[in-house]
PDB file of N, CA and C in Angstrom:
ATOM      1  N   MET A   1      69.343 102.313 140.912  1.00  0.00           N
ATOM      2  CA  MET A   1      70.282 103.212 140.909  1.00  0.00           C
ATOM      3  C   MET A   1      71.352 103.108 139.821  1.00  0.00           C
ATOM      4  N   PHE A   2      72.157 102.125 139.823  1.00  0.00           N
ATOM      5  CA  PHE A   2      73.151 102.022 138.665  1.00  0.00           C
ATOM      6  C   PHE A   2      72.500 101.196 137.627  1.00  0.00           C
ATOM      7  N   ARG A   3      71.403 100.997 137.270  1.00  0.00           N
ATOM      8  CA  ARG A   3      70.931 100.216 136.192  1.00  0.00           C
ATOM      9  C   ARG A   3      70.682 101.222 135.009  1.00  0.00           C
ATOM     10  N   PRO A   4      71.442 100.859 133.914  1.00  0.00           N
ATOM     11  CA  PRO A   4      71.311 102.057 132.561  1.00  0.00           C
ATOM     12  C   PRO A   4      69.795 101.578 132.391  1.00  0.00           C
ATOM     13  N   LYS A   5      69.041 102.768 131.627  1.00  0.00           N
ATOM     14  CA  LYS A   5      67.981 103.115 131.163  1.00  0.00           C
ATOM     15  C   LYS A   5      68.123 102.615 129.461  1.00  0.00           C
ATOM     16  N   LEU A   6      67.363 101.491 129.051  1.00  0.00           N
ATOM     17  CA  LEU A   6      67.602 101.031 127.693  1.00  0.00           C
ATOM     18  C   LEU A   6      66.517 101.465 127.160  1.00  0.00           C
ATOM     19  N   PRO A   7      67.040 101.932 125.440  1.00  0.00           N
ATOM     20  CA  PRO A   7      65.925 102.866 124.574  1.00  0.00           C
ATOM     21  C   PRO A   7      65.075 101.833 124.101  1.00  0.00           C
ATOM     22  N   ASP A   8      63.762 102.245 124.051  1.00  0.00           N
ATOM     23  CA  ASP A   8      62.957 101.402 123.228  1.00  0.00           C
ATOM     24  C   ASP A   8      63.320 100.816 121.914  1.00  0.00           C
ATOM     25  N   ALA A   9      62.674  99.607 121.800  1.00  0.00           N
ATOM     26  CA  ALA A   9      62.856  99.016 120.334  1.00  0.00           C
ATOM     27  C   ALA A   9      62.198  99.713 119.372  1.00  0.00           C
ATOM     28  N   PRO A  10      62.916  99.920 118.105  1.00  0.00           N
ATOM     29  CA  PRO A  10      62.427 100.887 117.132  1.00  0.00           C
ATOM     30  C   PRO A  10      61.449  99.630 116.638  1.00  0.00           C
ATOM     31  N   PRO A  11      60.339 100.334 116.092  1.00  0.00           N
ATOM     32  CA  PRO A  11      59.373  99.208 115.604  1.00  0.00           C
ATOM     33  C   PRO A  11      59.539  98.691 114.096  1.00  0.00           C
ATOM     34  N   VAL A  12      59.035  97.378 113.930  1.00  0.00           N
ATOM     35  CA  VAL A  12      59.609  96.787 112.777  1.00  0.00           C
ATOM     36  C   VAL A  12      58.576  97.146 111.811  1.00  0.00           C
ATOM     37  N   PRO A  13      59.220  97.435 110.412  1.00  0.00           N
ATOM     38  CA  PRO A  13      58.507  98.015 109.584  1.00  0.00           C
ATOM     39  C   PRO A  13      57.497  96.701 108.828  1.00  0.00           C
ATOM     40  N   THR A  14      56.417  97.027 108.530  1.00  0.00           N
ATOM     41  CA  THR A  14      55.492  95.689 108.374  1.00  0.00           C
ATOM     42  C   THR A  14      55.667  95.725 106.631  1.00  0.00           C
ATOM     43  N   THR A  15      55.883  96.633 105.701  1.00  0.00           N
ATOM     44  CA  THR A  15      56.028  96.491 104.387  1.00  0.00           C
ATOM     45  C   THR A  15      57.422  96.853 103.950  1.00  0.00           C
ATOM     46  N   VAL A  16      58.082  95.782 103.273  1.00  0.00           N
ATOM     47  CA  VAL A  16      59.300  95.799 102.711  1.00  0.00           C
ATOM     48  C   VAL A  16      59.368  96.107 101.075  1.00  0.00           C
ATOM     49  N   THR A  17      59.997  97.350 100.740  1.00  0.00           N
ATOM     50  CA  THR A  17      59.529  97.619  99.275  1.00  0.00           C
ATOM     51  C   THR A  17      61.194  97.308  98.734  1.00  0.00           C
ATOM     52  N   THR A  18      61.357  96.691  97.378  1.00  0.00           N
ATOM     53  CA  THR A  18      62.575  96.202  97.029  1.00  0.00           C
ATOM     54  C   THR A  18      62.682  97.037  95.734  1.00  0.00           C
ATOM     55  N   GLN A  19      63.970  97.874  95.348  1.00  0.00           N
ATOM     56  CA  GLN A  19      63.797  98.192  94.245  1.00  0.00           C
ATOM     57  C   GLN A  19      64.944  97.463  93.387  1.00  0.00           C
ATOM     58  N   GLN A  20      64.469  97.383  92.176  1.00  0.00           N
ATOM     59  CA  GLN A  20      65.666  96.724  91.279  1.00  0.00           C
ATOM     60  C   GLN A  20      66.284  97.805  90.427  1.00  0.00           C
ATOM     61  N   HIS A  21      67.645  97.886  90.010  1.00  0.00           N
ATOM     62  CA  HIS A  21      68.045  98.608  89.072  1.00  0.00           C
ATOM     63  C   HIS A  21      68.559  97.901  88.116  1.00  0.00           C
ATOM     64  N   VAL A  22      68.098  98.757  87.035  1.00  0.00           N
ATOM     65  CA  VAL A  22      68.678  97.966  85.449  1.00  0.00           C
ATOM     66  C   VAL A  22      69.776  98.739  85.500  1.00  0.00           C
ATOM     67  N   GLN A  23      70.990  98.154  84.568  1.00  0.00           N
ATOM     68  CA  GLN A  23      72.203  98.876  84.064  1.00  0.00           C
ATOM     69  C   GLN A  23      72.179  98.706  82.650  1.00  0.00           C
ATOM     70  N   ALA A  24      72.452  99.500  81.884  1.00  0.00           N
ATOM     71  CA  ALA A  24      72.627  99.473  80.947  1.00  0.00           C
ATOM     72  C   ALA A  24      73.689  98.790  80.105  1.00  0.00           C
ATOM     73  N   PRO A  25      73.578  97.920  79.336  1.00  0.00           N
ATOM     74  CA  PRO A  25      74.670  97.026  78.896  1.00  0.00           C
ATOM     75  C   PRO A  25      76.028  97.789  78.394  1.00  0.00           C
ATOM     76  N   ALA A  26      77.258  97.616  78.680  1.00  0.00           N
ATOM     77  CA  ALA A  26      78.186  98.163  78.216  1.00  0.00           C
ATOM     78  C   ALA A  26      78.676  98.194  76.808  1.00  0.00           C
ATOM     79  N   VAL A  27      78.804  99.358  76.343  1.00  0.00           N
ATOM     80  CA  VAL A  27      78.934  99.234  74.694  1.00  0.00           C
ATOM     81  C   VAL A  27      80.683  99.461  74.705  1.00  0.00           C
ATOM     82  N   PRO A  28      81.321  98.490  73.984  1.00  0.00           N
ATOM     83  CA  PRO A  28      82.691  98.645  74.224  1.00  0.00           C
ATOM     84  C   PRO A  28      82.738  99.580  72.900  1.00  0.00           C
ATOM     85  N   SER A  29      83.948 100.659  73.147  1.00  0.00           N
ATOM     86  CA  SER A  29      84.346 101.798  71.990  1.00  0.00           C
ATOM     87  C   SER A  29      84.795 101.010  70.803  1.00  0.00           C
ATOM     88  N   ALA A  30      84.650 101.446  69.830  1.00  0.00           N
ATOM     89  CA  ALA A  30      84.977 100.463  68.229  1.00  0.00           C
ATOM     90  C   ALA A  30      86.435 101.299  68.020  1.00  0.00           C
ATOM     91  N   GLY A  31      86.656 102.289  68.654  1.00  0.00           N
ATOM     92  CA  GLY A  31      88.317 102.985  68.434  1.00  0.00           C
ATOM     93  C   GLY A  31      89.138 102.510  69.143  1.00  0.00           C
ATOM     94  N   ARG A  32      89.233 101.691  70.574  1.00  0.00           N
ATOM     95  CA  ARG A  32      90.200 101.311  71.156  1.00  0.00           C
ATOM     96  C   ARG A  32      90.216  99.748  71.088  1.00  0.00           C
ATOM     97  N   PRO A  33      90.951  98.881  70.973  1.00  0.00           N
ATOM     98  CA  PRO A  33      91.101  97.750  71.250  1.00  0.00           C
ATOM     99  C   PRO A  33      91.420  97.149  72.362  1.00  0.00           C
ATOM    100  N   VAL A  34      90.799  96.049  73.181  1.00  0.00           N
ATOM    101  CA  VAL A  34      91.028  95.596  74.666  1.00  0.00           C
ATOM    102  C   VAL A  34      92.015  95.309  74.805  1.00  0.00           C
ATOM    103  N   ALA A  35      92.649  94.186  73.992  1.00  0.00           N
ATOM    104  CA  ALA A  35      93.953  93.084  74.065  1.00  0.00           C
ATOM    105  C   ALA A  35      95.247  93.808  74.283  1.00  0.00           C
ATOM    106  N   PRO A  36      95.455  94.840  73.916  1.00  0.00           N
ATOM    107  CA  PRO A  36      96.780  95.516  74.702  1.00  0.00           C
ATOM    108  C   PRO A  36      96.948  95.729  75.993  1.00  0.00           C
ATOM    109  N   TYR A  37      95.554  96.356  76.261  1.00  0.00           N
ATOM    110  CA  TYR A  37      95.356  96.592  77.710  1.00  0.00           C
ATOM    111  C   TYR A  37      95.615  95.333  78.855  1.00  0.00           C
ATOM    112  N   VAL A  38      95.014  94.593  78.409  1.00  0.00           N
ATOM    113  CA  VAL A  38      94.939  93.255  78.999  1.00  0.00           C
ATOM    114  C   VAL A  38      96.374  92.590  78.997  1.00  0.00           C
ATOM    115  N   GLY A  39      97.161  92.669  77.856  1.00  0.00           N
ATOM    116  CA  GLY A  39      98.572  92.006  77.895  1.00  0.00           C
ATOM    117  C   GLY A  39      99.356  93.196  78.963  1.00  0.00           C
ATOM    118  N   LEU A  40      98.907  94.338  78.740  1.00  0.00           N
ATOM    119  CA  LEU A  40      99.821  95.019  79.987  1.00  0.00           C
ATOM    120  C   LEU A  40      99.573  94.829  81.336  1.00  0.00           C
ATOM    121  N   GLY A  41      98.416  94.599  81.490  1.00  0.00           N
ATOM    122  CA  GLY A  41      98.072  94.090  82.769  1.00  0.00           C
ATOM    123  C   GLY A  41      99.043  92.688  83.107  1.00  0.00           C
ATOM    124  N   VAL A  42      98.861  91.562  82.309  1.00  0.00           N
ATOM    125  CA  VAL A  42      99.483  90.529  82.697  1.00  0.00           C
ATOM    126  C   VAL A  42     100.874  90.731  83.205  1.00  0.00           C
ATOM    127  N   GLY A  43     101.719  91.777  81.988  1.00  0.00           N
ATOM    128  CA  GLY A  43     103.149  92.024  82.265  1.00  0.00           C
ATOM    129  C   GLY A  43     103.227  92.493  83.598  1.00  0.00           C
ATOM    130  N   ALA A  44     102.297  93.300  84.035  1.00  0.00           N
ATOM    131  CA  ALA A  44     102.913  94.101  85.385  1.00  0.00           C
ATOM    132  C   ALA A  44     102.565  93.127  86.388  1.00  0.00           C
ATOM    133  N   VAL A  45     101.498  92.294  86.327  1.00  0.00           N
ATOM    134  CA  VAL A  45     101.437  90.955  87.197  1.00  0.00           C
ATOM    135  C   VAL A  45     102.444  90.154  87.341  1.00  0.00           C
ATOM    136  N   ALA A  46     103.226  89.870  86.120  1.00  0.00           N
ATOM    137  CA  ALA A  46     104.572  89.081  86.212  1.00  0.00           C
ATOM    138  C   ALA A  46     105.497  89.349  86.618  1.00  0.00           C
ATOM    139  N   ALA A  47     105.595  90.887  86.339  1.00  0.00           N
ATOM    140  CA  ALA A  47     106.617  91.839  87.122  1.00  0.00           C
ATOM    141  C   ALA A  47     106.677  91.939  88.688  1.00  0.00           C
ATOM    142  N   VAL A  48     105.511  92.254  89.317  1.00  0.00           N
ATOM    143  CA  VAL A  48     105.389  92.063  90.471  1.00  0.00           C
ATOM    144  C   VAL A  48     105.589  90.645  91.045  1.00  0.00           C
ATOM    145  N   VAL A  49     105.239  89.628  90.631  1.00  0.00           N
ATOM    146  CA  VAL A  49     105.603  88.508  91.090  1.00  0.00           C
ATOM    147  C   VAL A  49     107.253  88.128  91.254  1.00  0.00           C
ATOM    148  N   VAL A  50     107.589  88.624  89.995  1.00  0.00           N
ATOM    149  CA  VAL A  50     108.987  88.242  89.949  1.00  0.00           C
ATOM    150  C   VAL A  50     109.504  88.935  90.890  1.00  0.00           C
ATOM    151  N   VAL A  51     109.416  90.177  91.174  1.00  0.00           N
ATOM    152  CA  VAL A  51     110.074  91.188  92.053  1.00  0.00           C
ATOM    153  C   VAL A  51     109.900  90.624  93.423  1.00  0.00           C
ATOM    154  N   GLY A  52     108.782  90.289  93.788  1.00  0.00           N
ATOM    155  CA  GLY A  52     108.352  89.370  94.934  1.00  0.00           C
ATOM    156  C   GLY A  52     109.304  88.285  95.497  1.00  0.00           C
ATOM    157  N   VAL A  53     109.290  87.510  94.160  1.00  0.00           N
ATOM    158  CA  VAL A  53     110.139  86.440  94.591  1.00  0.00           C
ATOM    159  C   VAL A  53     111.734  86.774  94.886  1.00  0.00           C
ATOM    160  N   VAL A  54     112.420  87.588  93.916  1.00  0.00           N
ATOM    161  CA  VAL A  54     113.560  88.001  94.026  1.00  0.00           C
ATOM    162  C   VAL A  54     113.823  88.709  95.519  1.00  0.00           C
ATOM    163  N   LEU A  55     112.889  89.322  95.842  1.00  0.00           N
ATOM    164  CA  LEU A  55     112.792  89.943  97.175  1.00  0.00           C
ATOM    165  C   LEU A  55     112.889  88.938  98.565  1.00  0.00           C
ATOM    166  N   THR A  56     111.920  87.967  98.546  1.00  0.00           N
ATOM    167  CA  THR A  56     111.846  86.927  99.162  1.00  0.00           C
ATOM    168  C   THR A  56     113.266  86.289  99.082  1.00  0.00           C
ATOM    169  N   ALA A  57     113.725  85.865  98.022  1.00  0.00           N
ATOM    170  CA  ALA A  57     115.151  85.333  98.014  1.00  0.00           C
ATOM    171  C   ALA A  57     116.134  85.930  98.937  1.00  0.00           C
ATOM    172  N   LEU A  58     116.218  87.222  98.583  1.00  0.00           N
ATOM    173  CA  LEU A  58     117.183  88.172  99.245  1.00  0.00           C
ATOM    174  C   LEU A  58     117.086  87.923 100.691  1.00  0.00           C
ATOM    175  N   LEU A  59     115.657  88.209 101.103  1.00  0.00           N
ATOM    176  CA  LEU A  59     115.603  88.373 102.639  1.00  0.00           C
ATOM    177  C   LEU A  59     115.979  86.912 103.371  1.00  0.00           C
ATOM    178  N   ALA A  60     115.426  85.731 102.623  1.00  0.00           N
ATOM    179  CA  ALA A  60     116.115  84.507 103.121  1.00  0.00           C
ATOM    180  C   ALA A  60     117.544  84.672 103.206  1.00  0.00           C
ATOM    181  N   ALA A  61     118.313  85.152 102.194  1.00  0.00           N
ATOM    182  CA  ALA A  61     119.620  85.191 101.941  1.00  0.00           C
ATOM    183  C   ALA A  61     120.507  85.854 103.459  1.00  0.00           C
ATOM    184  N   VAL A  62     119.796  86.945 103.481  1.00  0.00           N
ATOM    185  CA  VAL A  62     120.409  87.974 104.828  1.00  0.00           C
ATOM    186  C   VAL A  62     119.921  87.179 105.857  1.00  0.00           C
ATOM    187  N   ALA A  63     118.783  86.360 106.015  1.00  0.00           N
ATOM    188  CA  ALA A  63     118.400  85.783 107.409  1.00  0.00           C
ATOM    189  C   ALA A  63     119.526  84.773 107.591  1.00  0.00           C
ATOM    190  N   VAL A  64     120.042  83.783 106.529  1.00  0.00           N
ATOM    191  CA  VAL A  64     120.932  82.793 106.696  1.00  0.00           C
ATOM    192  C   VAL A  64     122.411  83.448 107.094  1.00  0.00           C
ATOM    193  N   THR A  65     122.726  84.683 106.268  1.00  0.00           N
ATOM    194  CA  THR A  65     123.870  84.779 106.740  1.00  0.00           C
ATOM    195  C   THR A  65     123.807  85.326 108.212  1.00  0.00           C
ATOM    196  N   ALA A  66     122.830  86.076 108.558  1.00  0.00           N
ATOM    197  CA  ALA A  66     123.071  86.777 109.874  1.00  0.00           C
ATOM    198  C   ALA A  66     122.910  85.485 110.974  1.00  0.00           C
ATOM    199  N   VAL A  67     122.417  84.406 110.734  1.00  0.00           N
ATOM    200  CA  VAL A  67     122.153  83.178 111.651  1.00  0.00           C
ATOM    201  C   VAL A  67     123.829  82.618 111.639  1.00  0.00           C
ATOM    202  N   SER A  68     124.442  82.652 110.279  1.00  0.00           N
ATOM    203  CA  SER A  68     125.826  82.313 110.410  1.00  0.00           C
ATOM    204  C   SER A  68     126.739  82.845 110.990  1.00  0.00           C
ATOM    205  N   VAL A  69     126.732  84.402 110.983  1.00  0.00           N
ATOM    206  CA  VAL A  69     127.340  85.449 111.482  1.00  0.00           C
ATOM    207  C   VAL A  69     127.359  85.261 113.137  1.00  0.00           C
ATOM    208  N   ALA A  70     126.180  84.806 113.505  1.00  0.00           N
ATOM    209  CA  ALA A  70     125.590  84.780 114.977  1.00  0.00           C
ATOM    210  C   ALA A  70     126.627  83.514 115.464  1.00  0.00           C
ATOM    211  N   ILE A  71     126.526  82.574 115.101  1.00  0.00           N
ATOM    212  CA  ILE A  71     127.176  81.031 115.238  1.00  0.00           C
ATOM    213  C   ILE A  71     128.719  81.344 115.355  1.00  0.00           C
ATOM    214  N   ALA A  72     129.422  81.963 114.367  1.00  0.00           N
ATOM    215  CA  ALA A  72     130.762  82.094 114.071  1.00  0.00           C
ATOM    216  C   ALA A  72     131.111  83.103 115.743  1.00  0.00           C
ATOM    217  N   ALA A  73     130.401  84.162 115.563  1.00  0.00           N
ATOM    218  CA  ALA A  73     130.655  85.116 116.867  1.00  0.00           C
ATOM    219  C   ALA A  73     130.569  84.286 118.001  1.00  0.00           C
ATOM    220  N   VAL A  74     129.694  83.149 118.289  1.00  0.00           N
ATOM    221  CA  VAL A  74     129.665  82.608 119.491  1.00  0.00           C
ATOM    222  C   VAL A  74     130.932  81.499 119.428  1.00  0.00           C
ATOM    223  N   VAL A  75     131.303  80.977 118.299  1.00  0.00           N
ATOM    224  CA  VAL A  75     132.390  80.324 118.472  1.00  0.00           C
ATOM    225  C   VAL A  75     133.557  81.066 118.695  1.00  0.00           C
ATOM    226  N   LEU A  76     134.058  82.100 117.948  1.00  0.00           N
ATOM    227  CA  LEU A  76     135.044  82.655 118.507  1.00  0.00           C
ATOM    228  C   LEU A  76     135.374  83.139 119.749  1.00  0.00           C
ATOM    229  N   ARG A  77     133.883  83.729 120.213  1.00  0.00           N
ATOM    230  CA  ARG A  77     133.707  84.105 121.711  1.00  0.00           C
ATOM    231  C   ARG A  77     134.159  83.018 122.890  1.00  0.00           C
ATOM    232  N   SER A  78     133.768  81.753 122.347  1.00  0.00           N
ATOM    233  CA  SER A  78     134.124  80.636 123.073  1.00  0.00           C
ATOM    234  C   SER A  78     135.745  80.579 122.850  1.00  0.00           C
ATOM    235  N   LEU A  79     136.202  80.655 121.823  1.00  0.00           N
ATOM    236  CA  LEU A  79     137.731  80.298 121.438  1.00  0.00           C
ATOM    237  C   LEU A  79     138.568  81.276 122.383  1.00  0.00           C
ATOM    238  N   VAL A  80     138.108  82.591 122.290  1.00  0.00           N
ATOM    239  CA  VAL A  80     138.859  83.479 122.921  1.00  0.00           C
ATOM    240  C   VAL A  80     138.912  83.695 124.414  1.00  0.00           C
ATOM    241  N   ASN A  81     137.579  83.347 124.783  1.00  0.00           N
ATOM    242  CA  ASN A  81     137.616  83.120 126.653  1.00  0.00           C
ATOM    243  C   ASN A  81     138.379  82.018 126.636  1.00  0.00           C
ATOM    244  N   ASP A  82     138.224  80.485 125.745  1.00  0.00           N
ATOM    245  CA  ASP A  82     139.159  79.473 126.542  1.00  0.00           C
ATOM    246  C   ASP A  82     140.437  79.818 126.425  1.00  0.00           C
ATOM    247  N   ALA A  83     140.994  80.625 125.513  1.00  0.00           N
ATOM    248  CA  ALA A  83     142.545  81.202 125.362  1.00  0.00           C
ATOM    249  C   ALA A  83     142.748  82.063 126.536  1.00  0.00           C
ATOM    250  N   ASN A  84     141.928  82.835 126.913  1.00  0.00           N
ATOM    251  CA  ASN A  84     142.155  83.881 128.269  1.00  0.00           C
ATOM    252  C   ASN A  84     142.405  83.211 129.197  1.00  0.00           C
ATOM    253  N   ARG A  85     141.634  82.091 129.405  1.00  0.00           N
ATOM    254  CA  ARG A  85     141.917  81.437 130.831  1.00  0.00           C
ATOM    255  C   ARG A  85     143.057  80.297 130.857  1.00  0.00           C
ATOM    256  N   ARG A  86     143.352  80.205 129.711  1.00  0.00           N
ATOM    257  CA  ARG A  86     144.919  79.599 130.218  1.00  0.00           C
ATOM    258  C   ARG A  86     146.098  80.353 130.284  1.00  0.00           C
TER     259      ARG A  86
END
């Protein structure tokens, strides 16, 4: 009653045909040299890496500052509570 009816397995093909695609070799255009574009790509990658390093350093500085402020708040709260008890 509660058993699902499974579909029949599809028949396995007996012949396998493979098609090979042959691409024509790319012909570089004689009008534009490739070297300036490669240099531009390297510069862009270097800029992204530098920006990533700077942002990571800023994030680390913010984290260290947050930890030090939290510690200072705990110490000040302890001093204030200790002074109020006396």
